[in-house]
Full PDB file with SEQRES, HELIX, SHEET, SSBOND, CRYST1, ORIGX, SCALE, CONECT and MASTER records, all heavy atoms in Angstrom:
SEQRES   1 A   32  SER ARG LEU ARG MET GLY MET VAL GLY GLY GLY GLU GLY          
SEQRES   2 A   32  ALA PHE ILE GLY ALA VAL HIS ARG MET ALA ALA ALA LEU          
SEQRES   3 A   32  ASP GLY GLN ILE ASP LEU                                      
HELIX    1 AA1 ILE A   16  ALA A   25  1                                  10    
SHEET    1 AA1 2 LEU A   3  ARG A   4  0                                        
SHEET    2 AA1 2 ILE A  30  ASP A  31  1                                        
CRYST1    1.000    1.000    1.000  90.00  90.00  90.00 P 1           1          
ORIGX1      1.000000  0.000000  0.000000        0.00000                         
ORIGX2      0.000000  1.000000  0.000000        0.00000                         
ORIGX3      0.000000  0.000000  1.000000        0.00000                         
SCALE1      1.000000  0.000000  0.000000        0.00000                         
SCALE2      0.000000  1.000000  0.000000        0.00000                         
SCALE3      0.000000  0.000000  1.000000        0.00000                         
ATOM      1  N   SER A   1       5.279 -14.765   1.977  1.00  0.00           N  
ATOM      2  CA  SER A   1       4.336 -13.797   2.628  1.00  0.00           C  
ATOM      3  C   SER A   1       3.342 -13.252   1.573  1.00  0.00           C  
ATOM      4  O   SER A   1       3.528 -13.353   0.396  1.00  0.00           O  
ATOM      5  CB  SER A   1       5.147 -12.674   3.232  1.00  0.00           C  
ATOM      6  OG  SER A   1       5.913 -12.004   2.219  1.00  0.00           O  
ATOM      7  N   ARG A   2       2.280 -12.642   2.155  1.00  0.00           N  
ATOM      8  CA  ARG A   2       1.226 -12.117   1.275  1.00  0.00           C  
ATOM      9  C   ARG A   2       1.776 -10.918   0.443  1.00  0.00           C  
ATOM     10  O   ARG A   2       2.730 -10.193   0.828  1.00  0.00           O  
ATOM     11  CB  ARG A   2       0.085 -11.667   2.158  1.00  0.00           C  
ATOM     12  CG  ARG A   2      -0.579 -12.733   2.889  1.00  0.00           C  
ATOM     13  CD  ARG A   2      -1.825 -12.232   3.570  1.00  0.00           C  
ATOM     14  NE  ARG A   2      -2.536 -13.263   4.356  1.00  0.00           N  
ATOM     15  CZ  ARG A   2      -3.754 -13.133   4.848  1.00  0.00           C  
ATOM     16  NH1 ARG A   2      -4.378 -12.029   4.709  1.00  0.00           N  
ATOM     17  NH2 ARG A   2      -4.281 -14.114   5.540  1.00  0.00           N  
ATOM     18  N   LEU A   3       1.153 -10.751  -0.704  1.00  0.00           N  
ATOM     19  CA  LEU A   3       1.525  -9.603  -1.542  1.00  0.00           C  
ATOM     20  C   LEU A   3       0.894  -8.353  -0.956  1.00  0.00           C  
ATOM     21  O   LEU A   3      -0.176  -8.326  -0.363  1.00  0.00           O  
ATOM     22  CB  LEU A   3       0.945  -9.814  -2.940  1.00  0.00           C  
ATOM     23  CG  LEU A   3       1.483 -10.984  -3.743  1.00  0.00           C  
ATOM     24  CD1 LEU A   3       0.862 -11.043  -5.156  1.00  0.00           C  
ATOM     25  CD2 LEU A   3       3.008 -10.935  -3.920  1.00  0.00           C  
ATOM     26  N   ARG A   4       1.657  -7.254  -1.090  1.00  0.00           N  
ATOM     27  CA  ARG A   4       1.235  -5.952  -0.511  1.00  0.00           C  
ATOM     28  C   ARG A   4       0.536  -5.150  -1.663  1.00  0.00           C  
ATOM     29  O   ARG A   4       1.156  -4.903  -2.653  1.00  0.00           O  
ATOM     30  CB  ARG A   4       2.420  -5.197  -0.017  1.00  0.00           C  
ATOM     31  CG  ARG A   4       3.134  -5.963   1.231  1.00  0.00           C  
ATOM     32  CD  ARG A   4       4.333  -5.225   1.708  1.00  0.00           C  
ATOM     33  NE  ARG A   4       5.341  -5.196   0.718  1.00  0.00           N  
ATOM     34  CZ  ARG A   4       6.312  -6.164   0.491  1.00  0.00           C  
ATOM     35  NH1 ARG A   4       6.244  -7.290   1.260  1.00  0.00           N  
ATOM     36  NH2 ARG A   4       7.248  -6.024  -0.384  1.00  0.00           N  
ATOM     37  N   MET A   5      -0.674  -4.725  -1.385  1.00  0.00           N  
ATOM     38  CA  MET A   5      -1.507  -3.993  -2.340  1.00  0.00           C  
ATOM     39  C   MET A   5      -1.694  -2.551  -1.857  1.00  0.00           C  
ATOM     40  O   MET A   5      -1.899  -2.314  -0.644  1.00  0.00           O  
ATOM     41  CB  MET A   5      -2.834  -4.644  -2.593  1.00  0.00           C  
ATOM     42  CG  MET A   5      -3.770  -3.924  -3.546  1.00  0.00           C  
ATOM     43  SD  MET A   5      -5.339  -4.791  -3.816  1.00  0.00           S  
ATOM     44  CE  MET A   5      -6.415  -3.989  -2.530  1.00  0.00           C  
ATOM     45  N   GLY A   6      -1.649  -1.590  -2.784  1.00  0.00           N  
ATOM     46  CA  GLY A   6      -2.059  -0.218  -2.520  1.00  0.00           C  
ATOM     47  C   GLY A   6      -3.336   0.018  -3.344  1.00  0.00           C  
ATOM     48  O   GLY A   6      -3.640  -0.704  -4.290  1.00  0.00           O  
ATOM     49  N   MET A   7      -4.023   1.046  -2.986  1.00  0.00           N  
ATOM     50  CA  MET A   7      -5.274   1.345  -3.742  1.00  0.00           C  
ATOM     51  C   MET A   7      -5.357   2.894  -3.878  1.00  0.00           C  
ATOM     52  O   MET A   7      -5.060   3.672  -2.978  1.00  0.00           O  
ATOM     53  CB  MET A   7      -6.479   0.901  -2.980  1.00  0.00           C  
ATOM     54  CG  MET A   7      -7.819   1.182  -3.679  1.00  0.00           C  
ATOM     55  SD  MET A   7      -9.246   0.333  -2.926  1.00  0.00           S  
ATOM     56  CE  MET A   7      -9.081  -1.274  -3.776  1.00  0.00           C  
ATOM     57  N   VAL A   8      -5.760   3.276  -5.130  1.00  0.00           N  
ATOM     58  CA  VAL A   8      -6.041   4.720  -5.362  1.00  0.00           C  
ATOM     59  C   VAL A   8      -7.485   4.781  -5.754  1.00  0.00           C  
ATOM     60  O   VAL A   8      -7.979   4.210  -6.663  1.00  0.00           O  
ATOM     61  CB  VAL A   8      -5.141   5.252  -6.515  1.00  0.00           C  
ATOM     62  CG1 VAL A   8      -5.499   6.643  -6.806  1.00  0.00           C  
ATOM     63  CG2 VAL A   8      -3.659   5.140  -6.204  1.00  0.00           C  
ATOM     64  N   GLY A   9      -8.228   5.650  -4.955  1.00  0.00           N  
ATOM     65  CA  GLY A   9      -9.652   5.713  -5.100  1.00  0.00           C  
ATOM     66  C   GLY A   9     -10.334   4.675  -4.133  1.00  0.00           C  
ATOM     67  O   GLY A   9      -9.656   3.976  -3.357  1.00  0.00           O  
ATOM     68  N   GLY A  10     -11.666   4.612  -4.173  1.00  0.00           N  
ATOM     69  CA  GLY A  10     -12.351   3.612  -3.441  1.00  0.00           C  
ATOM     70  C   GLY A  10     -12.653   3.942  -1.966  1.00  0.00           C  
ATOM     71  O   GLY A  10     -12.919   3.087  -1.227  1.00  0.00           O  
ATOM     72  N   GLY A  11     -12.568   5.293  -1.655  1.00  0.00           N  
ATOM     73  CA  GLY A  11     -12.809   5.718  -0.267  1.00  0.00           C  
ATOM     74  C   GLY A  11     -14.321   5.867   0.028  1.00  0.00           C  
ATOM     75  O   GLY A  11     -15.164   5.224  -0.473  1.00  0.00           O  
ATOM     76  N   GLU A  12     -14.572   6.826   0.932  1.00  0.00           N  
ATOM     77  CA  GLU A  12     -15.896   7.042   1.470  1.00  0.00           C  
ATOM     78  C   GLU A  12     -16.927   7.229   0.280  1.00  0.00           C  
ATOM     79  O   GLU A  12     -16.663   8.027  -0.620  1.00  0.00           O  
ATOM     80  CB  GLU A  12     -15.931   8.245   2.320  1.00  0.00           C  
ATOM     81  CG  GLU A  12     -15.206   8.141   3.618  1.00  0.00           C  
ATOM     82  CD  GLU A  12     -15.296   9.391   4.463  1.00  0.00           C  
ATOM     83  OE1 GLU A  12     -15.926  10.359   3.996  1.00  0.00           O  
ATOM     84  OE2 GLU A  12     -14.702   9.435   5.545  1.00  0.00           O  
ATOM     85  N   GLY A  13     -18.014   6.490   0.342  1.00  0.00           N  
ATOM     86  CA  GLY A  13     -19.077   6.641  -0.597  1.00  0.00           C  
ATOM     87  C   GLY A  13     -18.864   5.954  -1.937  1.00  0.00           C  
ATOM     88  O   GLY A  13     -19.687   6.007  -2.817  1.00  0.00           O  
ATOM     89  N   ALA A  14     -17.745   5.212  -2.120  1.00  0.00           N  
ATOM     90  CA  ALA A  14     -17.468   4.558  -3.352  1.00  0.00           C  
ATOM     91  C   ALA A  14     -18.004   3.120  -3.306  1.00  0.00           C  
ATOM     92  O   ALA A  14     -17.889   2.479  -2.287  1.00  0.00           O  
ATOM     93  CB  ALA A  14     -15.974   4.493  -3.593  1.00  0.00           C  
ATOM     94  N   PHE A  15     -18.542   2.660  -4.421  1.00  0.00           N  
ATOM     95  CA  PHE A  15     -19.027   1.286  -4.472  1.00  0.00           C  
ATOM     96  C   PHE A  15     -17.976   0.294  -4.861  1.00  0.00           C  
ATOM     97  O   PHE A  15     -17.746  -0.700  -4.206  1.00  0.00           O  
ATOM     98  CB  PHE A  15     -20.242   1.265  -5.480  1.00  0.00           C  
ATOM     99  CG  PHE A  15     -20.430  -0.117  -6.102  1.00  0.00           C  
ATOM    100  CD1 PHE A  15     -20.880  -1.218  -5.330  1.00  0.00           C  
ATOM    101  CD2 PHE A  15     -20.248  -0.319  -7.464  1.00  0.00           C  
ATOM    102  CE1 PHE A  15     -21.099  -2.476  -5.890  1.00  0.00           C  
ATOM    103  CE2 PHE A  15     -20.495  -1.573  -7.989  1.00  0.00           C  
ATOM    104  CZ  PHE A  15     -20.870  -2.663  -7.204  1.00  0.00           C  
ATOM    105  N   ILE A  16     -17.338   0.539  -6.024  1.00  0.00           N  
ATOM    106  CA  ILE A  16     -16.482  -0.470  -6.594  1.00  0.00           C  
ATOM    107  C   ILE A  16     -15.202  -0.729  -5.814  1.00  0.00           C  
ATOM    108  O   ILE A  16     -14.680  -1.831  -5.806  1.00  0.00           O  
ATOM    109  CB  ILE A  16     -16.156  -0.211  -8.076  1.00  0.00           C  
ATOM    110  CG1 ILE A  16     -15.840  -1.419  -8.837  1.00  0.00           C  
ATOM    111  CG2 ILE A  16     -15.049   0.874  -8.189  1.00  0.00           C  
ATOM    112  CD1 ILE A  16     -16.944  -2.421  -8.954  1.00  0.00           C  
ATOM    113  N   GLY A  17     -14.723   0.305  -5.043  1.00  0.00           N  
ATOM    114  CA  GLY A  17     -13.497   0.128  -4.264  1.00  0.00           C  
ATOM    115  C   GLY A  17     -13.705  -1.043  -3.229  1.00  0.00           C  
ATOM    116  O   GLY A  17     -12.793  -1.824  -3.012  1.00  0.00           O  
ATOM    117  N   ALA A  18     -14.843  -1.050  -2.556  1.00  0.00           N  
ATOM    118  CA  ALA A  18     -15.063  -2.119  -1.555  1.00  0.00           C  
ATOM    119  C   ALA A  18     -15.170  -3.496  -2.244  1.00  0.00           C  
ATOM    120  O   ALA A  18     -14.653  -4.474  -1.649  1.00  0.00           O  
ATOM    121  CB  ALA A  18     -16.394  -1.802  -0.838  1.00  0.00           C  
ATOM    122  N   VAL A  19     -15.705  -3.538  -3.401  1.00  0.00           N  
ATOM    123  CA  VAL A  19     -15.738  -4.755  -4.176  1.00  0.00           C  
ATOM    124  C   VAL A  19     -14.322  -5.269  -4.479  1.00  0.00           C  
ATOM    125  O   VAL A  19     -13.964  -6.451  -4.288  1.00  0.00           O  
ATOM    126  CB  VAL A  19     -16.586  -4.656  -5.485  1.00  0.00           C  
ATOM    127  CG1 VAL A  19     -16.441  -5.862  -6.287  1.00  0.00           C  
ATOM    128  CG2 VAL A  19     -18.003  -4.336  -5.147  1.00  0.00           C  
ATOM    129  N   HIS A  20     -13.488  -4.388  -4.924  1.00  0.00           N  
ATOM    130  CA  HIS A  20     -12.068  -4.769  -5.245  1.00  0.00           C  
ATOM    131  C   HIS A  20     -11.374  -5.255  -3.987  1.00  0.00           C  
ATOM    132  O   HIS A  20     -10.632  -6.198  -4.006  1.00  0.00           O  
ATOM    133  CB  HIS A  20     -11.330  -3.509  -5.777  1.00  0.00           C  
ATOM    134  CG  HIS A  20     -11.548  -3.290  -7.239  1.00  0.00           C  
ATOM    135  ND1 HIS A  20     -10.665  -3.590  -8.184  1.00  0.00           N  
ATOM    136  CD2 HIS A  20     -12.581  -2.703  -7.902  1.00  0.00           C  
ATOM    137  CE1 HIS A  20     -11.124  -3.283  -9.362  1.00  0.00           C  
ATOM    138  NE2 HIS A  20     -12.268  -2.690  -9.241  1.00  0.00           N  
ATOM    139  N   ARG A  21     -11.645  -4.593  -2.855  1.00  0.00           N  
ATOM    140  CA  ARG A  21     -10.918  -5.025  -1.619  1.00  0.00           C  
ATOM    141  C   ARG A  21     -11.387  -6.331  -1.154  1.00  0.00           C  
ATOM    142  O   ARG A  21     -10.588  -7.166  -0.694  1.00  0.00           O  
ATOM    143  CB  ARG A  21     -11.212  -3.931  -0.462  1.00  0.00           C  
ATOM    144  CG  ARG A  21     -10.460  -2.613  -0.774  1.00  0.00           C  
ATOM    145  CD  ARG A  21     -10.456  -1.702   0.457  1.00  0.00           C  
ATOM    146  NE  ARG A  21     -11.823  -1.184   0.738  1.00  0.00           N  
ATOM    147  CZ  ARG A  21     -12.342  -0.111   0.284  1.00  0.00           C  
ATOM    148  NH1 ARG A  21     -11.633   0.672  -0.580  1.00  0.00           N  
ATOM    149  NH2 ARG A  21     -13.545   0.270   0.621  1.00  0.00           N  
ATOM    150  N   MET A  22     -12.682  -6.586  -1.262  1.00  0.00           N  
ATOM    151  CA  MET A  22     -13.177  -7.917  -0.850  1.00  0.00           C  
ATOM    152  C   MET A  22     -12.615  -9.005  -1.806  1.00  0.00           C  
ATOM    153  O   MET A  22     -12.208 -10.080  -1.356  1.00  0.00           O  
ATOM    154  CB  MET A  22     -14.741  -7.962  -0.883  1.00  0.00           C  
ATOM    155  CG  MET A  22     -15.352  -7.214   0.249  1.00  0.00           C  
ATOM    156  SD  MET A  22     -17.188  -7.427   0.232  1.00  0.00           S  
ATOM    157  CE  MET A  22     -17.657  -6.235  -1.032  1.00  0.00           C  
ATOM    158  N   ALA A  23     -12.625  -8.743  -3.063  1.00  0.00           N  
ATOM    159  CA  ALA A  23     -12.106  -9.678  -4.025  1.00  0.00           C  
ATOM    160  C   ALA A  23     -10.625  -9.946  -3.799  1.00  0.00           C  
ATOM    161  O   ALA A  23     -10.187 -11.152  -3.841  1.00  0.00           O  
ATOM    162  CB  ALA A  23     -12.322  -9.180  -5.449  1.00  0.00           C  
ATOM    163  N   ALA A  24      -9.845  -8.934  -3.552  1.00  0.00           N  
ATOM    164  CA  ALA A  24      -8.392  -9.091  -3.415  1.00  0.00           C  
ATOM    165  C   ALA A  24      -8.077  -9.940  -2.101  1.00  0.00           C  
ATOM    166  O   ALA A  24      -7.112 -10.703  -2.073  1.00  0.00           O  
ATOM    167  CB  ALA A  24      -7.713  -7.754  -3.326  1.00  0.00           C  
ATOM    168  N   ALA A  25      -8.955  -9.787  -1.100  1.00  0.00           N  
ATOM    169  CA  ALA A  25      -8.733 -10.432   0.153  1.00  0.00           C  
ATOM    170  C   ALA A  25      -9.232 -11.910   0.195  1.00  0.00           C  
ATOM    171  O   ALA A  25      -8.833 -12.636   1.083  1.00  0.00           O  
ATOM    172  CB  ALA A  25      -9.374  -9.647   1.290  1.00  0.00           C  
ATOM    173  N   LEU A  26     -10.011 -12.281  -0.782  1.00  0.00           N  
ATOM    174  CA  LEU A  26     -10.793 -13.533  -0.637  1.00  0.00           C  
ATOM    175  C   LEU A  26      -9.854 -14.767  -0.503  1.00  0.00           C  
ATOM    176  O   LEU A  26     -10.229 -15.662   0.279  1.00  0.00           O  
ATOM    177  CB  LEU A  26     -11.661 -13.730  -1.883  1.00  0.00           C  
ATOM    178  CG  LEU A  26     -12.682 -14.866  -1.787  1.00  0.00           C  
ATOM    179  CD1 LEU A  26     -13.607 -14.722  -0.661  1.00  0.00           C  
ATOM    180  CD2 LEU A  26     -13.444 -14.962  -3.136  1.00  0.00           C  
ATOM    181  N   ASP A  27      -8.739 -14.851  -1.177  1.00  0.00           N  
ATOM    182  CA  ASP A  27      -7.940 -16.080  -1.134  1.00  0.00           C  
ATOM    183  C   ASP A  27      -6.804 -15.987  -0.215  1.00  0.00           C  
ATOM    184  O   ASP A  27      -5.960 -16.894  -0.213  1.00  0.00           O  
ATOM    185  CB  ASP A  27      -7.437 -16.332  -2.579  1.00  0.00           C  
ATOM    186  CG  ASP A  27      -8.564 -16.735  -3.552  1.00  0.00           C  
ATOM    187  OD1 ASP A  27      -9.284 -17.702  -3.215  1.00  0.00           O  
ATOM    188  OD2 ASP A  27      -8.768 -16.078  -4.508  1.00  0.00           O  
ATOM    189  N   GLY A  28      -6.770 -14.957   0.655  1.00  0.00           N  
ATOM    190  CA  GLY A  28      -5.728 -14.827   1.679  1.00  0.00           C  
ATOM    191  C   GLY A  28      -4.281 -14.629   1.194  1.00  0.00           C  
ATOM    192  O   GLY A  28      -3.359 -14.965   1.890  1.00  0.00           O  
ATOM    193  N   GLN A  29      -4.183 -14.113  -0.085  1.00  0.00           N  
ATOM    194  CA  GLN A  29      -2.816 -13.879  -0.616  1.00  0.00           C  
ATOM    195  C   GLN A  29      -2.420 -12.399  -0.645  1.00  0.00           C  
ATOM    196  O   GLN A  29      -1.221 -12.115  -0.910  1.00  0.00           O  
ATOM    197  CB  GLN A  29      -2.784 -14.361  -2.044  1.00  0.00           C  
ATOM    198  CG  GLN A  29      -3.059 -15.865  -2.234  1.00  0.00           C  
ATOM    199  CD  GLN A  29      -2.833 -16.320  -3.682  1.00  0.00           C  
ATOM    200  OE1 GLN A  29      -1.790 -16.031  -4.267  1.00  0.00           O  
ATOM    201  NE2 GLN A  29      -3.744 -17.064  -4.269  1.00  0.00           N  
ATOM    202  N   ILE A  30      -3.338 -11.528  -0.370  1.00  0.00           N  
ATOM    203  CA  ILE A  30      -3.138 -10.116  -0.634  1.00  0.00           C  
ATOM    204  C   ILE A  30      -3.543  -9.317   0.608  1.00  0.00           C  
ATOM    205  O   ILE A  30      -4.628  -9.577   1.139  1.00  0.00           O  
ATOM    206  CB  ILE A  30      -3.836  -9.630  -1.874  1.00  0.00           C  
ATOM    207  CG1 ILE A  30      -3.355 -10.350  -3.104  1.00  0.00           C  
ATOM    208  CG2 ILE A  30      -3.749  -8.089  -2.033  1.00  0.00           C  
ATOM    209  CD1 ILE A  30      -4.220 -10.156  -4.305  1.00  0.00           C  
ATOM    210  N   ASP A  31      -2.696  -8.347   1.023  1.00  0.00           N  
ATOM    211  CA  ASP A  31      -3.071  -7.408   2.095  1.00  0.00           C  
ATOM    212  C   ASP A  31      -3.069  -5.996   1.533  1.00  0.00           C  
ATOM    213  O   ASP A  31      -2.129  -5.605   0.875  1.00  0.00           O  
ATOM    214  CB  ASP A  31      -2.080  -7.479   3.250  1.00  0.00           C  
ATOM    215  CG  ASP A  31      -2.199  -8.754   4.069  1.00  0.00           C  
ATOM    216  OD1 ASP A  31      -3.376  -9.263   4.189  1.00  0.00           O  
ATOM    217  OD2 ASP A  31      -1.215  -9.208   4.659  1.00  0.00           O  
ATOM    218  N   LEU A  32      -4.079  -5.222   1.893  1.00  0.00           N  
ATOM    219  CA  LEU A  32      -4.097  -3.840   1.594  1.00  0.00           C  
ATOM    220  C   LEU A  32      -3.236  -3.099   2.649  1.00  0.00           C  
ATOM    221  O   LEU A  32      -3.652  -3.120   3.810  1.00  0.00           O  
ATOM    222  CB  LEU A  32      -5.554  -3.266   1.623  1.00  0.00           C  
ATOM    223  CG  LEU A  32      -5.681  -1.744   1.332  1.00  0.00           C  
ATOM    224  CD1 LEU A  32      -5.282  -1.427  -0.085  1.00  0.00           C  
ATOM    225  CD2 LEU A  32      -7.110  -1.341   1.585  1.00  0.00           C  
TER     226      LEU A  32                                                      
MASTER        0    0    0    1    2    0    0    6  225    1    0    3          
END                                                                             
Protein backbone atom coordinates (compact mmCIF):
# COMPACT_ATOMS: atom_id res chain seq x y z
CA SER A 1 0.00 0.00 0.00
CA ARG A 2 1.00 3.63 -0.37
CA LEU A 3 3.07 5.34 2.26
CA ARG A 4 1.18 7.66 4.59
CA MET A 5 2.53 11.22 4.78
CA GLY A 6 1.79 13.99 7.22
CA MET A 7 2.65 17.64 6.70
CA VAL A 8 3.44 20.47 9.08
CA GLY A 9 3.06 23.89 7.45
CA GLY A 10 2.10 24.49 3.85
CA GLY A 11 -1.45 25.71 4.41
CA GLU A 12 -3.33 28.73 3.07
CA GLY A 13 -1.11 31.21 1.26
CA ALA A 14 2.00 29.00 1.34
CA PHE A 15 4.00 28.42 -1.85
CA ILE A 16 6.36 25.59 -1.08
CA GLY A 17 3.84 23.35 0.68
CA ALA A 18 1.87 22.86 -2.53
CA VAL A 19 5.09 22.04 -4.38
CA HIS A 20 5.94 19.36 -1.81
CA ARG A 21 2.46 17.85 -2.07
CA MET A 22 2.60 17.69 -5.87
CA ALA A 23 6.07 16.17 -5.76
CA ALA A 24 5.14 13.57 -3.16
CA ALA A 25 2.06 12.53 -5.15
CA LEU A 26 3.73 12.35 -8.56
CA ASP A 27 4.76 8.68 -8.55
CA GLY A 28 1.62 7.32 -6.89
CA GLN A 29 3.46 5.95 -3.86
CA ILE A 30 2.48 8.47 -1.19
CA ASP A 31 -0.80 9.76 0.22
CA LEU A 32 -1.19 12.86 2.38
